[in-house]
C-alpha atoms as a PDB file:
ATOM      1  CA  MET A   1     222.056 -77.964  53.770  1.00  0.00           C
ATOM      2  CA  ILE A   2     222.572 -75.947  50.682  1.00  0.00           C
ATOM      3  CA  GLY A   3     226.053 -74.632  50.191  1.00  0.00           C
ATOM      4  CA  ARG A   4     226.932 -71.011  49.729  1.00  0.00           C
ATOM      5  CA  ALA A   5     227.639 -71.418  46.020  1.00  0.00           C
ATOM      6  CA  ALA A   6     224.259 -73.025  45.479  1.00  0.00           C
ATOM      7  CA  ARG A   7     222.455 -70.181  47.286  1.00  0.00           C
ATOM      8  CA  THR A   8     224.301 -67.609  45.194  1.00  0.00           C
ATOM      9  CA  PHE A   9     223.396 -69.524  42.049  1.00  0.00           C
ATOM     10  CA  VAL A  10     219.698 -69.628  43.042  1.00  0.00           C
ATOM     11  CA  ALA A  11     219.719 -65.906  43.957  1.00  0.00           C
ATOM     12  CA  VAL A  12     221.295 -64.937  40.634  1.00  0.00           C
ATOM     13  CA  GLY A  13     218.803 -67.149  38.816  1.00  0.00           C
ATOM     14  CA  LEU A  14     215.838 -65.536  40.594  1.00  0.00           C
ATOM     15  CA  LEU A  15     217.155 -62.016  39.912  1.00  0.00           C
ATOM     16  CA  THR A  16     217.646 -62.866  36.257  1.00  0.00           C
ATOM     17  CA  LEU A  17     214.127 -64.224  36.060  1.00  0.00           C
ATOM     18  CA  LEU A  18     212.625 -61.166  37.809  1.00  0.00           C
ATOM     19  CA  LEU A  19     214.570 -58.620  35.761  1.00  0.00           C
ATOM     20  CA  GLY A  20     213.828 -60.470  32.549  1.00  0.00           C
ATOM     21  CA  CYS A  21     210.094 -60.220  33.250  1.00  0.00           C
ATOM     22  CA  SER A  22     210.085 -56.525  34.147  1.00  0.00           C
ATOM     23  CA  ALA A  23     208.266 -53.967  32.022  1.00  0.00           C
ATOM     24  CA  PRO A  24     210.126 -52.902  28.889  1.00  0.00           C
ATOM     25  CA  ARG A  25     211.775 -49.515  28.859  1.00  0.00           C
ATOM     26  CA  ALA A  26     210.395 -46.719  26.737  1.00  0.00           C
ATOM     27  CA  PRO A  27     212.205 -46.490  23.413  1.00  0.00           C
ATOM     28  CA  SER A  28     214.936 -43.904  23.489  1.00  0.00           C
ATOM     29  CA  SER A  29     215.428 -43.512  19.762  1.00  0.00           C
ATOM     30  CA  PRO A  30     215.308 -39.968  18.348  1.00  0.00           C
ATOM     31  CA  LYS A  31     212.334 -40.999  16.199  1.00  0.00           C
ATOM     32  CA  TYR A  32     210.181 -41.445  19.282  1.00  0.00           C
ATOM     33  CA  ALA A  33     211.612 -38.366  20.980  1.00  0.00           C
ATOM     34  CA  VAL A  34     210.443 -36.192  18.078  1.00  0.00           C
ATOM     35  CA  LYS A  35     206.981 -37.758  18.044  1.00  0.00           C
ATOM     36  CA  ASP A  36     206.638 -37.459  21.819  1.00  0.00           C
ATOM     37  CA  GLY A  37     207.752 -33.813  21.688  1.00  0.00           C
ATOM     38  CA  LEU A  38     205.246 -32.955  18.953  1.00  0.00           C
ATOM     39  CA  GLU A  39     202.407 -34.686  20.797  1.00  0.00           C
ATOM     40  CA  ALA A  40     203.313 -32.807  23.984  1.00  0.00           C
ATOM     41  CA  ALA A  41     203.332 -29.489  22.080  1.00  0.00           C
ATOM     42  CA  LEU A  42     199.929 -30.282  20.537  1.00  0.00           C
ATOM     43  CA  ALA A  43     198.542 -31.016  23.992  1.00  0.00           C
ATOM     44  CA  GLN A  44     199.716 -27.548  25.106  1.00  0.00           C
ATOM     45  CA  LEU A  45     197.668 -25.710  22.451  1.00  0.00           C
ATOM     46  CA  PRO A  46     194.905 -23.699  24.120  1.00  0.00           C
ATOM     47  CA  ALA A  47     191.460 -24.811  23.022  1.00  0.00           C
ATOM     48  CA  ASP A  48     190.012 -21.323  22.576  1.00  0.00           C
ATOM     49  CA  ALA A  49     192.942 -19.366  21.123  1.00  0.00           C
ATOM     50  CA  PRO A  50     193.314 -18.655  17.396  1.00  0.00           C
ATOM     51  CA  LEU A  51     195.782 -20.901  15.606  1.00  0.00           C
ATOM     52  CA  THR A  52     198.658 -19.489  13.602  1.00  0.00           C
ATOM     53  CA  LEU A  53     199.277 -21.233  10.312  1.00  0.00           C
ATOM     54  CA  ARG A  54     201.469 -20.351   7.384  1.00  0.00           C
ATOM     55  CA  TYR A  55     201.080 -21.170   3.737  1.00  0.00           C
ATOM     56  CA  ASN A  56     204.454 -22.641   2.826  1.00  0.00           C
ATOM     57  CA  PRO A  57     204.188 -25.211   0.015  1.00  0.00           C
ATOM     58  CA  ALA A  58     206.931 -27.807  -0.090  1.00  0.00           C
ATOM     59  CA  PRO A  59     208.362 -29.539  -3.165  1.00  0.00           C
ATOM     60  CA  CYS A  60     207.307 -32.901  -1.683  1.00  0.00           C
ATOM     61  CA  ASP A  61     203.882 -34.480  -1.310  1.00  0.00           C
ATOM     62  CA  CYS A  62     203.219 -32.691   1.994  1.00  0.00           C
ATOM     63  CA  PRO A  63     200.444 -30.378   3.152  1.00  0.00           C
ATOM     64  CA  ALA A  64     201.007 -26.791   1.997  1.00  0.00           C
ATOM     65  CA  PHE A  65     200.249 -25.373   5.446  1.00  0.00           C
ATOM     66  CA  GLU A  66     202.169 -25.480   8.708  1.00  0.00           C
ATOM     67  CA  LEU A  67     200.865 -25.022  12.251  1.00  0.00           C
ATOM     68  CA  GLN A  68     202.936 -22.995  14.701  1.00  0.00           C
ATOM     69  CA  LEU A  69     203.850 -25.002  17.783  1.00  0.00           C
ATOM     70  CA  GLY A  70     205.836 -22.809  20.146  1.00  0.00           C
ATOM     71  CA  THR A  71     208.866 -21.699  18.148  1.00  0.00           C
ATOM     72  CA  GLY A  72     208.563 -24.476  15.567  1.00  0.00           C
ATOM     73  CA  TRP A  73     206.241 -25.463  12.740  1.00  0.00           C
ATOM     74  CA  LEU A  74     204.428 -28.707  11.972  1.00  0.00           C
ATOM     75  CA  ARG A  75     202.891 -29.536   8.584  1.00  0.00           C
ATOM     76  CA  ALA A  76     199.114 -29.234   8.762  1.00  0.00           C
ATOM     77  CA  GLU A  77     196.316 -30.663   6.656  1.00  0.00           C
ATOM     78  CA  LEU A  78     193.334 -28.299   6.764  1.00  0.00           C
ATOM     79  CA  VAL A  79     189.720 -29.441   6.835  1.00  0.00           C
ATOM     80  CA  ALA A  80     186.717 -27.114   6.817  1.00  0.00           C
ATOM     81  CA  ALA A  81     184.464 -27.466   9.857  1.00  0.00           C
ATOM     82  CA  SER A  82     181.478 -26.462   7.710  1.00  0.00           C
ATOM     83  CA  THR A  83     180.610 -25.465   4.177  1.00  0.00           C
ATOM     84  CA  ALA A  84     180.628 -21.817   5.300  1.00  0.00           C
ATOM     85  CA  VAL A  85     184.428 -21.938   5.597  1.00  0.00           C
ATOM     86  CA  ARG A  86     185.903 -20.959   2.239  1.00  0.00           C
ATOM     87  CA  LEU A  87     189.132 -22.973   2.420  1.00  0.00           C
ATOM     88  CA  ALA A  88     189.328 -23.745  -1.294  1.00  0.00           C
ATOM     89  CA  GLU A  89     189.113 -20.040  -2.132  1.00  0.00           C
ATOM     90  CA  LEU A  90     191.760 -19.205   0.479  1.00  0.00           C
ATOM     91  CA  VAL A  91     194.146 -21.830  -0.864  1.00  0.00           C
ATOM     92  CA  ALA A  92     193.578 -20.716  -4.477  1.00  0.00           C
ATOM     93  CA  TRP A  93     194.209 -17.078  -3.530  1.00  0.00           C
ATOM     94  CA  LEU A  94     197.368 -17.932  -1.562  1.00  0.00           C
ATOM     95  CA  ALA A  95     198.683 -20.055  -4.439  1.00  0.00           C
ATOM     96  CA  GLN A  96     198.352 -17.045  -6.751  1.00  0.00           C
ATOM     97  CA  GLN A  97     200.612 -14.910  -4.552  1.00  0.00           C
ATOM     98  CA  PRO A  98     204.225 -14.604  -5.688  1.00  0.00           C
ATOM     99  CA  ALA A  99     206.447 -17.316  -4.216  1.00  0.00           C
ATOM    100  CA  ALA A 100     208.783 -14.589  -2.943  1.00  0.00           C
ATOM    101  CA  GLN A 101     206.043 -13.674  -0.428  1.00  0.00           C
ATOM    102  CA  TRP A 102     205.837 -17.205   1.000  1.00  0.00           C
ATOM    103  CA  PRO A 103     205.451 -18.186   3.774  1.00  0.00           C
ATOM    104  CA  ILE A 104     202.215 -16.251   4.266  1.00  0.00           C
ATOM    105  CA  ALA A 105     200.780 -16.127   7.798  1.00  0.00           C
ATOM    106  CA  VAL A 106     197.171 -17.213   8.275  1.00  0.00           C
ATOM    107  CA  LYS A 107     195.152 -16.948  11.509  1.00  0.00           C
ATOM    108  CA  VAL A 108     192.199 -19.283  11.981  1.00  0.00           C
ATOM    109  CA  ARG A 109     189.710 -20.324  14.601  1.00  0.00           C
ATOM    110  CA  GLY A 110     189.646 -24.062  14.877  1.00  0.00           C
ATOM    111  CA  SER A 111     191.208 -27.035  16.555  1.00  0.00           C
ATOM    112  CA  ALA A 112     194.164 -29.284  15.925  1.00  0.00           C
ATOM    113  CA  GLU A 113     193.748 -33.009  16.366  1.00  0.00           C
ATOM    114  CA  ARG A 114     196.026 -34.478  19.002  1.00  0.00           C
ATOM    115  CA  GLU A 115     196.917 -37.487  16.851  1.00  0.00           C
ATOM    116  CA  LEU A 116     199.802 -37.077  14.430  1.00  0.00           C
ATOM    117  CA  LEU A 117     199.609 -38.076  10.776  1.00  0.00           C
ATOM    118  CA  ARG A 118     202.493 -39.283   8.596  1.00  0.00           C
ATOM    119  CA  THR A 119     202.951 -38.082   5.025  1.00  0.00           C
ATOM    120  CA  THR A 120     204.079 -40.435   2.264  1.00  0.00           C
ATOM    121  CA  GLN A 121     207.617 -39.144   2.904  1.00  0.00           C
ATOM    122  CA  GLY A 122     207.314 -40.037   6.602  1.00  0.00           C
ATOM    123  CA  ILE A 123     207.028 -36.418   7.779  1.00  0.00           C
ATOM    124  CA  TYR A 124     204.811 -35.764  10.771  1.00  0.00           C
ATOM    125  CA  ALA A 125     201.719 -33.647  10.185  1.00  0.00           C
ATOM    126  CA  VAL A 126     198.503 -32.762  11.987  1.00  0.00           C
ATOM    127  CA  ARG A 127     194.917 -32.303  10.851  1.00  0.00           C
ATOM    128  CA  VAL A 128     193.448 -28.870  11.659  1.00  0.00           C
ATOM    129  CA  GLU A 129     189.697 -28.371  11.543  1.00  0.00           C
ATOM    130  CA  VAL A 130     189.098 -24.745  10.520  1.00  0.00           C
ATOM    131  CA  ALA A 131     185.922 -23.111  11.824  1.00  0.00           C
ATOM    132  CA  ALA A 132     186.743 -19.633  10.472  1.00  0.00           C
ATOM    133  CA  VAL A 133     189.543 -17.808   8.703  1.00  0.00           C
ATOM    134  CA  ILE A 134     190.503 -14.668  10.624  1.00  0.00           C
ATOM    135  CA  THR A 135     193.270 -13.281   8.391  1.00  0.00           C
ATOM    136  CA  PRO A 136     194.043 -12.902   5.586  1.00  0.00           C
ATOM    137  CA  GLN A 137     190.664 -12.811   3.964  1.00  0.00           C
ATOM    138  CA  PRO A 138     190.964 -13.419   0.250  1.00  0.00           C
ATOM    139  CA  PRO A 139     189.121 -10.873  -1.868  1.00  0.00           C
ATOM    140  CA  ALA A 140     185.516 -11.732  -2.528  1.00  0.00           C
ATOM    141  CA  PRO A 141     184.932 -13.276  -5.927  1.00  0.00           C
ATOM    142  CA  ALA A 142     183.926 -10.774  -8.581  1.00  0.00           C
ATOM    143  CA  PRO A 143     180.211 -10.744  -9.260  1.00  0.00           C
ATOM    144  CA  ALA A 144     179.161 -12.412 -12.471  1.00  0.00           C
ATOM    145  CA  ALA A 145     178.895  -9.828 -15.205  1.00  0.00           C
ATOM    146  CA  GLU A 146     175.436  -9.406 -16.571  1.00  0.00           C
ATOM    147  CA  PRO A 147     175.210  -9.647 -20.335  1.00  0.00           C
ATOM    148  CA  THR A 148     174.972  -6.253 -21.880  1.00  0.00           C
ATOM    149  CA  ALA A 149     172.421  -5.587 -24.556  1.00  0.00           C
ATOM    150  CA  GLU A 150     173.802  -4.393 -27.826  1.00  0.00           C
ATOM    151  CA  PRO A 151     172.949  -0.768 -28.440  1.00  0.00           C
ATOM    152  CA  GLU A 152     170.099  -0.349 -30.808  1.00  0.00           C
ATOM    153  CA  THR A 153     171.003   1.137 -34.100  1.00  0.00           C
ATOM    154  CA  PRO A 154     168.450   3.223 -35.952  1.00  0.00           C
ATOM    155  CA  ASN A 155     167.025   1.597 -39.069  1.00  0.00           C
ATOM    156  CA  PRO A 156     167.753   3.611 -42.157  1.00  0.00           C
END
């Protein structure tokens, strides 16, 4: 017969073995909480609604745009869905606006990827594929000036 102390020892050993082999707990560090919160907010974005961005360049090596997620903003790297989207012209026009006017709101049709990116500074960002710019529309480029002929002068 096994004594009471031996049974207790075996029971504690089995519990230790079982608990030691259980699934690990989800990390509870703030780093993961932020990432999880951003991914949850991205998942909440409606697929067919316009996206609100703002042009708000940062002094670091981060994307110049931010995507509105609820009441917060997430840095966003913009990619044109087609060559018809004039992103380069939009960015050039926004960059010419006085810095005192920044951030400048921009509405687009497009979609945000659900996977987060990390900038070289470790800041979270998202890639947004832009199908169309709704507002603001930068002014159309000026037409190329045609060369003017010099007026003819009468020969004396």
